């Protein structure tokens, strides 16, 4: 019976040692899990920060590109407007010149319809030439 008691006592001690060993292993596993969880949180924070920075940079780049495109379009529009303005002014000048010639021609024809008027005009031109 004493042998049975000693065997039982040994068995209980072994069970207590095994339980203590299991408790220590569980505590170590829990600590490892906490450490991994903390590292994972830190990595997540770093990834989120990088993603936010990339997002902000992409938005800024898009705004810069849009500003450049808008500025280029405005410059192109101004150039087109200036070209069209010059063309319109040239056209107006040409039309004014043509009208002036037509009016002058009609006036000269009416004024110089007789020989006396023609002689007077020629004499006037000659006087003007001598004075200059």
N, C-alpha and C. Protein backbone atom coordinates (compact mmCIF):
# COMPACT_ATOMS: atom_id res chain seq x y z
N UNK A 1 0.81 -1.16 0.00
CA UNK A 1 0.00 0.00 0.00
C UNK A 1 0.87 1.26 0.00
N UNK A 2 1.94 1.17 0.73
CA UNK A 2 2.88 2.28 0.74
C UNK A 2 3.44 2.50 -0.66
N UNK A 3 3.66 1.44 -1.37
CA UNK A 3 4.16 1.57 -2.75
C UNK A 3 3.10 2.23 -3.61
N UNK A 4 1.85 1.90 -3.39
CA UNK A 4 0.77 2.50 -4.17
C UNK A 4 0.66 3.97 -3.86
N UNK A 5 0.83 4.33 -2.59
CA UNK A 5 0.77 5.74 -2.20
C UNK A 5 1.95 6.50 -2.80
N UNK A 6 3.12 5.92 -2.76
CA UNK A 6 4.28 6.58 -3.35
C UNK A 6 4.11 6.74 -4.85
N UNK A 7 3.56 5.70 -5.46
CA UNK A 7 3.33 5.76 -6.91
C UNK A 7 2.31 6.86 -7.23
N UNK A 8 1.28 6.94 -6.42
CA UNK A 8 0.25 7.98 -6.62
C UNK A 8 0.85 9.35 -6.37
N UNK A 9 1.65 9.48 -5.33
CA UNK A 9 2.29 10.75 -5.03
C UNK A 9 3.21 11.16 -6.18
N UNK A 10 3.96 10.23 -6.73
CA UNK A 10 4.84 10.49 -7.87
C UNK A 10 4.00 10.89 -9.07
N UNK A 11 2.91 10.21 -9.26
CA UNK A 11 2.03 10.51 -10.39
C UNK A 11 1.45 11.92 -10.25
N UNK A 12 1.05 12.29 -8.99
CA UNK A 12 0.50 13.63 -8.75
C UNK A 12 1.60 14.68 -8.97
N UNK A 13 2.80 14.41 -8.49
CA UNK A 13 3.91 15.35 -8.68
C UNK A 13 4.21 15.53 -10.15
N UNK A 14 4.23 14.44 -10.89
CA UNK A 14 4.49 14.51 -12.35
C UNK A 14 3.37 15.31 -13.05
N UNK A 15 2.15 15.07 -12.60
CA UNK A 15 1.02 15.81 -13.19
C UNK A 15 1.15 17.29 -12.86
N UNK A 16 1.54 17.63 -11.61
CA UNK A 16 1.72 19.03 -11.23
C UNK A 16 2.86 19.67 -12.03
N UNK A 17 3.96 18.93 -12.20
CA UNK A 17 5.08 19.43 -12.99
C UNK A 17 4.65 19.64 -14.44
N UNK A 18 3.91 18.68 -14.98
CA UNK A 18 3.42 18.80 -16.37
C UNK A 18 2.48 19.99 -16.49
N UNK A 19 1.61 20.18 -15.49
CA UNK A 19 0.68 21.31 -15.51
C UNK A 19 1.45 22.62 -15.43
N UNK A 20 2.45 22.69 -14.58
CA UNK A 20 3.27 23.90 -14.45
C UNK A 20 4.02 24.17 -15.75
N UNK A 21 4.55 23.11 -16.34
CA UNK A 21 5.25 23.24 -17.63
C UNK A 21 4.27 23.74 -18.70
N UNK A 22 3.07 23.21 -18.72
CA UNK A 22 2.05 23.63 -19.70
C UNK A 22 1.67 25.09 -19.44
N UNK A 23 1.55 25.48 -18.16
CA UNK A 23 1.22 26.86 -17.83
C UNK A 23 2.33 27.80 -18.30
N UNK A 24 3.59 27.39 -18.09
CA UNK A 24 4.72 28.21 -18.53
C UNK A 24 4.71 28.33 -20.07
N UNK A 25 4.47 27.20 -20.75
CA UNK A 25 4.41 27.22 -22.21
C UNK A 25 3.26 28.11 -22.71
N UNK A 26 2.11 28.05 -22.05
CA UNK A 26 0.96 28.88 -22.41
C UNK A 26 1.29 30.36 -22.20
N UNK A 27 1.98 30.66 -21.08
CA UNK A 27 2.37 32.05 -20.82
C UNK A 27 3.35 32.53 -21.90
N UNK A 28 4.30 31.66 -22.26
CA UNK A 28 5.25 32.01 -23.33
C UNK A 28 4.51 32.21 -24.67
N UNK A 29 3.58 31.31 -24.97
CA UNK A 29 2.80 31.44 -26.20
C UNK A 29 1.97 32.72 -26.20
N UNK A 30 1.40 33.03 -25.04
CA UNK A 30 0.60 34.25 -24.93
C UNK A 30 1.49 35.48 -25.15
N UNK A 31 2.68 35.46 -24.56
CA UNK A 31 3.62 36.57 -24.73
C UNK A 31 4.04 36.69 -26.20
N UNK A 32 4.32 35.53 -26.82
CA UNK A 32 4.68 35.53 -28.24
C UNK A 32 3.53 36.07 -29.09
N UNK A 33 2.33 35.65 -28.77
CA UNK A 33 1.16 36.13 -29.51
C UNK A 33 0.97 37.64 -29.34
N UNK A 34 1.15 38.14 -28.13
CA UNK A 34 1.04 39.58 -27.87
C UNK A 34 2.11 40.34 -28.66
N UNK A 35 3.34 39.77 -28.67
CA UNK A 35 4.42 40.41 -29.40
C UNK A 35 4.10 40.43 -30.90
N UNK A 36 3.64 39.31 -31.44
CA UNK A 36 3.27 39.24 -32.85
C UNK A 36 2.12 40.21 -33.17
N UNK A 37 1.16 40.27 -32.27
CA UNK A 37 0.02 41.16 -32.45
C UNK A 37 0.49 42.62 -32.47
N UNK A 38 1.39 42.97 -31.57
CA UNK A 38 1.94 44.33 -31.52
C UNK A 38 2.72 44.65 -32.80
N UNK A 39 3.56 43.69 -33.24
CA UNK A 39 4.31 43.89 -34.48
C UNK A 39 3.37 44.05 -35.67
N UNK A 40 2.32 43.25 -35.69
CA UNK A 40 1.34 43.33 -36.77
C UNK A 40 0.64 44.68 -36.77
N UNK A 41 0.30 45.16 -35.59
CA UNK A 41 -0.33 46.49 -35.49
C UNK A 41 0.61 47.58 -36.00
N UNK A 42 1.88 47.48 -35.62
CA UNK A 42 2.85 48.46 -36.08
C UNK A 42 2.99 48.42 -37.61
N UNK A 43 3.08 47.22 -38.16
CA UNK A 43 3.17 47.07 -39.62
C UNK A 43 1.91 47.64 -40.29
N UNK A 44 0.75 47.36 -39.71
CA UNK A 44 -0.51 47.89 -40.25
C UNK A 44 -0.48 49.42 -40.26
N UNK A 45 -0.02 50.00 -39.14
CA UNK A 45 0.05 51.46 -39.05
C UNK A 45 0.99 52.04 -40.10
N UNK A 46 2.13 51.37 -40.30
CA UNK A 46 3.10 51.83 -41.30
C UNK A 46 2.48 51.74 -42.70
N UNK A 47 1.82 50.62 -42.98
CA UNK A 47 1.19 50.43 -44.29
C UNK A 47 0.10 51.48 -44.52
N UNK A 48 -0.72 51.73 -43.51
CA UNK A 48 -1.79 52.74 -43.64
C UNK A 48 -1.20 54.14 -43.85
N UNK A 49 -0.12 54.44 -43.12
CA UNK A 49 0.51 55.75 -43.28
C UNK A 49 1.08 55.91 -44.69
N UNK A 50 1.75 54.87 -45.18
CA UNK A 50 2.30 54.92 -46.53
C UNK A 50 1.18 55.05 -47.56
N UNK A 51 0.09 54.32 -47.35
CA UNK A 51 -1.04 54.39 -48.28
C UNK A 51 -1.64 55.80 -48.28
N UNK A 52 -1.76 56.40 -47.11
CA UNK A 52 -2.32 57.76 -47.03
C UNK A 52 -1.37 58.75 -47.72
N UNK A 53 -0.07 58.61 -47.47
CA UNK A 53 0.90 59.49 -48.11
C UNK A 53 0.86 59.34 -49.62
N UNK A 54 0.75 58.09 -50.09
CA UNK A 54 0.67 57.85 -51.53
C UNK A 54 -0.60 58.47 -52.11
N UNK A 55 -1.69 58.35 -51.37
CA UNK A 55 -2.96 58.93 -51.81
C UNK A 55 -2.85 60.45 -51.91
N UNK A 56 -2.28 61.08 -50.90
CA UNK A 56 -2.12 62.54 -50.91
C UNK A 56 -1.22 62.95 -52.08
N UNK A 57 -0.14 62.20 -52.30
CA UNK A 57 0.77 62.51 -53.41
C UNK A 57 0.07 62.36 -54.74
N UNK A 58 -0.72 61.31 -54.89
CA UNK A 58 -1.44 61.11 -56.15
C UNK A 58 -2.42 62.26 -56.40
N UNK A 59 -3.10 62.70 -55.35
CA UNK A 59 -4.05 63.81 -55.48
C UNK A 59 -3.31 65.08 -55.86
N UNK A 60 -2.18 65.35 -55.20
CA UNK A 60 -1.40 66.55 -55.51
C UNK A 60 -0.86 66.49 -56.94
N UNK A 61 -0.38 65.31 -57.35
CA UNK A 61 0.13 65.15 -58.71
C UNK A 61 -0.99 65.38 -59.73
N UNK A 62 -2.17 64.85 -59.43
CA UNK A 62 -3.31 65.03 -60.33
C UNK A 62 -3.70 66.50 -60.42
N UNK A 63 -3.67 67.20 -59.29
CA UNK A 63 -3.99 68.64 -59.29
C UNK A 63 -2.95 69.41 -60.10
N UNK A 64 -1.67 69.08 -59.89
CA UNK A 64 -0.60 69.75 -60.63
C UNK A 64 -0.76 69.52 -62.13
N UNK A 65 -1.03 68.28 -62.50
CA UNK A 65 -1.20 67.94 -63.91
C UNK A 65 -2.40 68.67 -64.49
N UNK A 66 -3.50 68.71 -63.73
CA UNK A 66 -4.69 69.42 -64.20
C UNK A 66 -4.40 70.91 -64.37
N UNK A 67 -3.64 71.48 -63.45
CA UNK A 67 -3.28 72.90 -63.56
C UNK A 67 -2.42 73.14 -64.80
N UNK A 68 -1.47 72.25 -65.05
CA UNK A 68 -0.62 72.40 -66.23
C UNK A 68 -1.44 72.30 -67.51
N UNK A 69 -2.34 71.32 -67.55
CA UNK A 69 -3.18 71.14 -68.74
C UNK A 69 -4.07 72.36 -68.94
N UNK A 70 -4.66 72.85 -67.86
CA UNK A 70 -5.53 74.03 -67.95
C UNK A 70 -4.74 75.24 -68.42
N UNK A 71 -3.54 75.43 -67.88
CA UNK A 71 -2.71 76.56 -68.29
C UNK A 71 -2.34 76.45 -69.77
N UNK A 72 -2.03 75.24 -70.22
CA UNK A 72 -1.68 75.03 -71.63
C UNK A 72 -2.89 75.30 -72.52
N UNK A 73 -4.06 74.85 -72.09
CA UNK A 73 -5.27 75.09 -72.88
C UNK A 73 -5.59 76.59 -72.94
N UNK A 74 -5.40 77.28 -71.84
CA UNK A 74 -5.64 78.74 -71.82
C UNK A 74 -4.65 79.43 -72.76
N UNK A 75 -3.38 79.02 -72.70
CA UNK A 75 -2.37 79.62 -73.58
C UNK A 75 -2.72 79.35 -75.04
N UNK A 76 -3.13 78.13 -75.34
CA UNK A 76 -3.52 77.79 -76.72
C UNK A 76 -4.72 78.62 -77.16
N UNK A 77 -5.70 78.75 -76.28
CA UNK A 77 -6.89 79.54 -76.62
C UNK A 77 -6.53 80.99 -76.86
N UNK A 78 -5.64 81.55 -76.02
CA UNK A 78 -5.21 82.94 -76.21
C UNK A 78 -4.49 83.10 -77.55
N UNK A 79 -3.65 82.13 -77.90
CA UNK A 79 -2.93 82.19 -79.17
C UNK A 79 -3.91 82.14 -80.35
N UNK A 80 -4.91 81.26 -80.26
CA UNK A 80 -5.92 81.15 -81.32
C UNK A 80 -6.70 82.46 -81.42
N UNK A 81 -7.08 83.00 -80.28
CA UNK A 81 -7.83 84.26 -80.27
C UNK A 81 -7.00 85.38 -80.90
N UNK A 82 -5.73 85.45 -80.54
CA UNK A 82 -4.85 86.49 -81.08
C UNK A 82 -4.70 86.33 -82.60
N UNK A 83 -4.53 85.10 -83.04
CA UNK A 83 -4.41 84.85 -84.48
C UNK A 83 -5.68 85.24 -85.22
N UNK A 84 -6.82 84.85 -84.65
CA UNK A 84 -8.10 85.20 -85.28
C UNK A 84 -8.34 86.71 -85.25
N UNK A 85 -7.90 87.37 -84.18
CA UNK A 85 -8.04 88.82 -84.08
C UNK A 85 -7.22 89.51 -85.17
N UNK A 86 -5.97 89.05 -85.33
CA UNK A 86 -5.12 89.64 -86.37
C UNK A 86 -5.71 89.40 -87.76
N UNK A 87 -6.23 88.20 -87.98
CA UNK A 87 -6.83 87.89 -89.28
C UNK A 87 -8.05 88.77 -89.52
N UNK A 88 -8.87 88.97 -88.48
CA UNK A 88 -10.05 89.81 -88.62
C UNK A 88 -9.66 91.25 -88.89
N UNK A 89 -8.64 91.77 -88.19
CA UNK A 89 -8.18 93.13 -88.43
C UNK A 89 -7.63 93.29 -89.84
N UNK A 90 -6.91 92.31 -90.30
CA UNK A 90 -6.37 92.35 -91.66
C UNK A 90 -7.52 92.37 -92.66
N UNK A 91 -8.52 91.55 -92.42
CA UNK A 91 -9.69 91.51 -93.31
C UNK A 91 -10.40 92.86 -93.32
N UNK A 92 -10.58 93.45 -92.15
CA UNK A 92 -11.24 94.76 -92.06
C UNK A 92 -10.42 95.82 -92.80
N UNK A 93 -9.10 95.80 -92.61
CA UNK A 93 -8.23 96.76 -93.31
C UNK A 93 -8.34 96.59 -94.82
N UNK A 94 -8.37 95.34 -95.27
CA UNK A 94 -8.49 95.08 -96.71
C UNK A 94 -9.83 95.60 -97.23
N UNK A 95 -10.89 95.37 -96.48
CA UNK A 95 -12.20 95.83 -96.91
C UNK A 95 -12.26 97.37 -96.94
N UNK A 96 -11.66 98.01 -95.92
CA UNK A 96 -11.63 99.48 -95.89
C UNK A 96 -10.82 99.99 -97.08
N UNK A 97 -9.71 99.37 -97.39
CA UNK A 97 -8.89 99.79 -98.53
C UNK A 97 -9.67 99.64 -99.82
N UNK A 98 -10.37 98.53 -99.97
CA UNK A 98 -11.15 98.31 -101.19
C UNK A 98 -12.27 99.35 -101.31
N UNK A 99 -12.96 99.60 -100.20
CA UNK A 99 -14.02 100.61 -100.24
C UNK A 99 -13.46 102.00 -100.56
N UNK A 100 -12.31 102.31 -99.97
CA UNK A 100 -11.67 103.60 -100.23
C UNK A 100 -11.32 103.73 -101.71
N UNK A 101 -10.78 102.68 -102.29
CA UNK A 101 -10.44 102.69 -103.70
C UNK A 101 -11.69 102.86 -104.57
N UNK A 102 -12.74 102.15 -104.22
CA UNK A 102 -13.98 102.25 -104.99
C UNK A 102 -14.55 103.67 -104.92
N UNK A 103 -14.58 104.22 -103.71
CA UNK A 103 -15.11 105.58 -103.54
C UNK A 103 -14.24 106.58 -104.28
N UNK A 104 -12.92 106.43 -104.15
CA UNK A 104 -12.00 107.34 -104.83
C UNK A 104 -12.17 107.24 -106.34
N UNK A 105 -12.28 106.04 -106.83
CA UNK A 105 -12.47 105.84 -108.27
C UNK A 105 -13.75 106.53 -108.75
N UNK A 106 -14.83 106.33 -108.00
CA UNK A 106 -16.11 106.95 -108.38
C UNK A 106 -16.01 108.48 -108.34
N UNK A 107 -15.36 109.01 -107.30
CA UNK A 107 -15.20 110.47 -107.20
C UNK A 107 -14.34 111.01 -108.33
N UNK A 108 -13.25 110.34 -108.63
CA UNK A 108 -12.37 110.80 -109.70
C UNK A 108 -13.07 110.73 -111.05
N UNK A 109 -13.83 109.71 -111.28
CA UNK A 109 -14.55 109.61 -112.54
C UNK A 109 -15.54 110.76 -112.70
N UNK A 110 -16.23 111.05 -111.59
CA UNK A 110 -17.20 112.13 -111.66
C UNK A 110 -16.50 113.47 -111.80
N UNK A 111 -15.42 113.67 -111.01
CA UNK A 111 -14.71 114.94 -111.02
C UNK A 111 -13.99 115.17 -112.33
N UNK A 112 -13.43 114.11 -112.87
CA UNK A 112 -12.61 114.26 -114.08
C UNK A 112 -13.37 113.87 -115.34
N UNK A 113 -14.63 114.04 -115.31
CA UNK A 113 -15.43 113.64 -116.47
C UNK A 113 -15.21 114.56 -117.67
N UNK A 114 -14.78 115.76 -117.46
CA UNK A 114 -14.49 116.63 -118.61
C UNK A 114 -13.01 116.97 -118.65
N UNK A 115 -12.56 117.47 -119.77
CA UNK A 115 -11.14 117.74 -120.00
C UNK A 115 -10.62 118.86 -119.12
N UNK A 116 -11.40 119.86 -118.88
CA UNK A 116 -11.00 120.99 -118.04
C UNK A 116 -10.66 120.52 -116.63
N UNK A 117 -11.47 119.67 -116.07
CA UNK A 117 -11.24 119.14 -114.72
C UNK A 117 -9.96 118.32 -114.67
N UNK A 118 -9.69 117.58 -115.74
CA UNK A 118 -8.48 116.77 -115.79
C UNK A 118 -7.24 117.65 -115.79
N UNK A 119 -7.27 118.74 -116.58
CA UNK A 119 -6.13 119.65 -116.64
C UNK A 119 -5.89 120.30 -115.29
N UNK A 120 -6.96 120.72 -114.64
CA UNK A 120 -6.81 121.37 -113.33
C UNK A 120 -6.18 120.40 -112.32
N UNK A 121 -6.59 119.16 -112.35
CA UNK A 121 -6.03 118.16 -111.43
C UNK A 121 -4.56 117.95 -111.71
N UNK A 122 -4.17 117.85 -112.97
CA UNK A 122 -2.77 117.64 -113.33
C UNK A 122 -1.95 118.85 -112.87
N UNK A 123 -2.46 120.07 -113.11
CA UNK A 123 -1.74 121.27 -112.68
C UNK A 123 -1.56 121.29 -111.16
N UNK A 124 -2.59 120.87 -110.44
CA UNK A 124 -2.51 120.83 -108.97
C UNK A 124 -1.42 119.84 -108.52
N UNK A 125 -1.36 118.65 -109.18
CA UNK A 125 -0.32 117.66 -108.86
C UNK A 125 1.06 118.23 -109.12
N UNK A 126 1.21 118.95 -110.22
CA UNK A 126 2.51 119.53 -110.57
C UNK A 126 2.92 120.55 -109.52
N UNK A 127 1.99 121.40 -109.08
CA UNK A 127 2.29 122.39 -108.03
C UNK A 127 2.71 121.70 -106.74
N UNK A 128 1.98 120.66 -106.40
CA UNK A 128 2.31 119.92 -105.17
C UNK A 128 3.70 119.30 -105.25
N UNK A 129 4.07 118.81 -106.39
CA UNK A 129 5.37 118.19 -106.57
C UNK A 129 6.48 119.24 -106.45
N UNK A 130 6.29 120.41 -107.01
CA UNK A 130 7.30 121.47 -106.95
C UNK A 130 7.49 121.97 -105.53
N UNK A 131 6.44 121.99 -104.75
CA UNK A 131 6.53 122.47 -103.38
C UNK A 131 7.29 121.50 -102.48
N UNK A 132 7.19 120.25 -102.74
CA UNK A 132 7.86 119.25 -101.92
C UNK A 132 9.28 119.15 -102.37
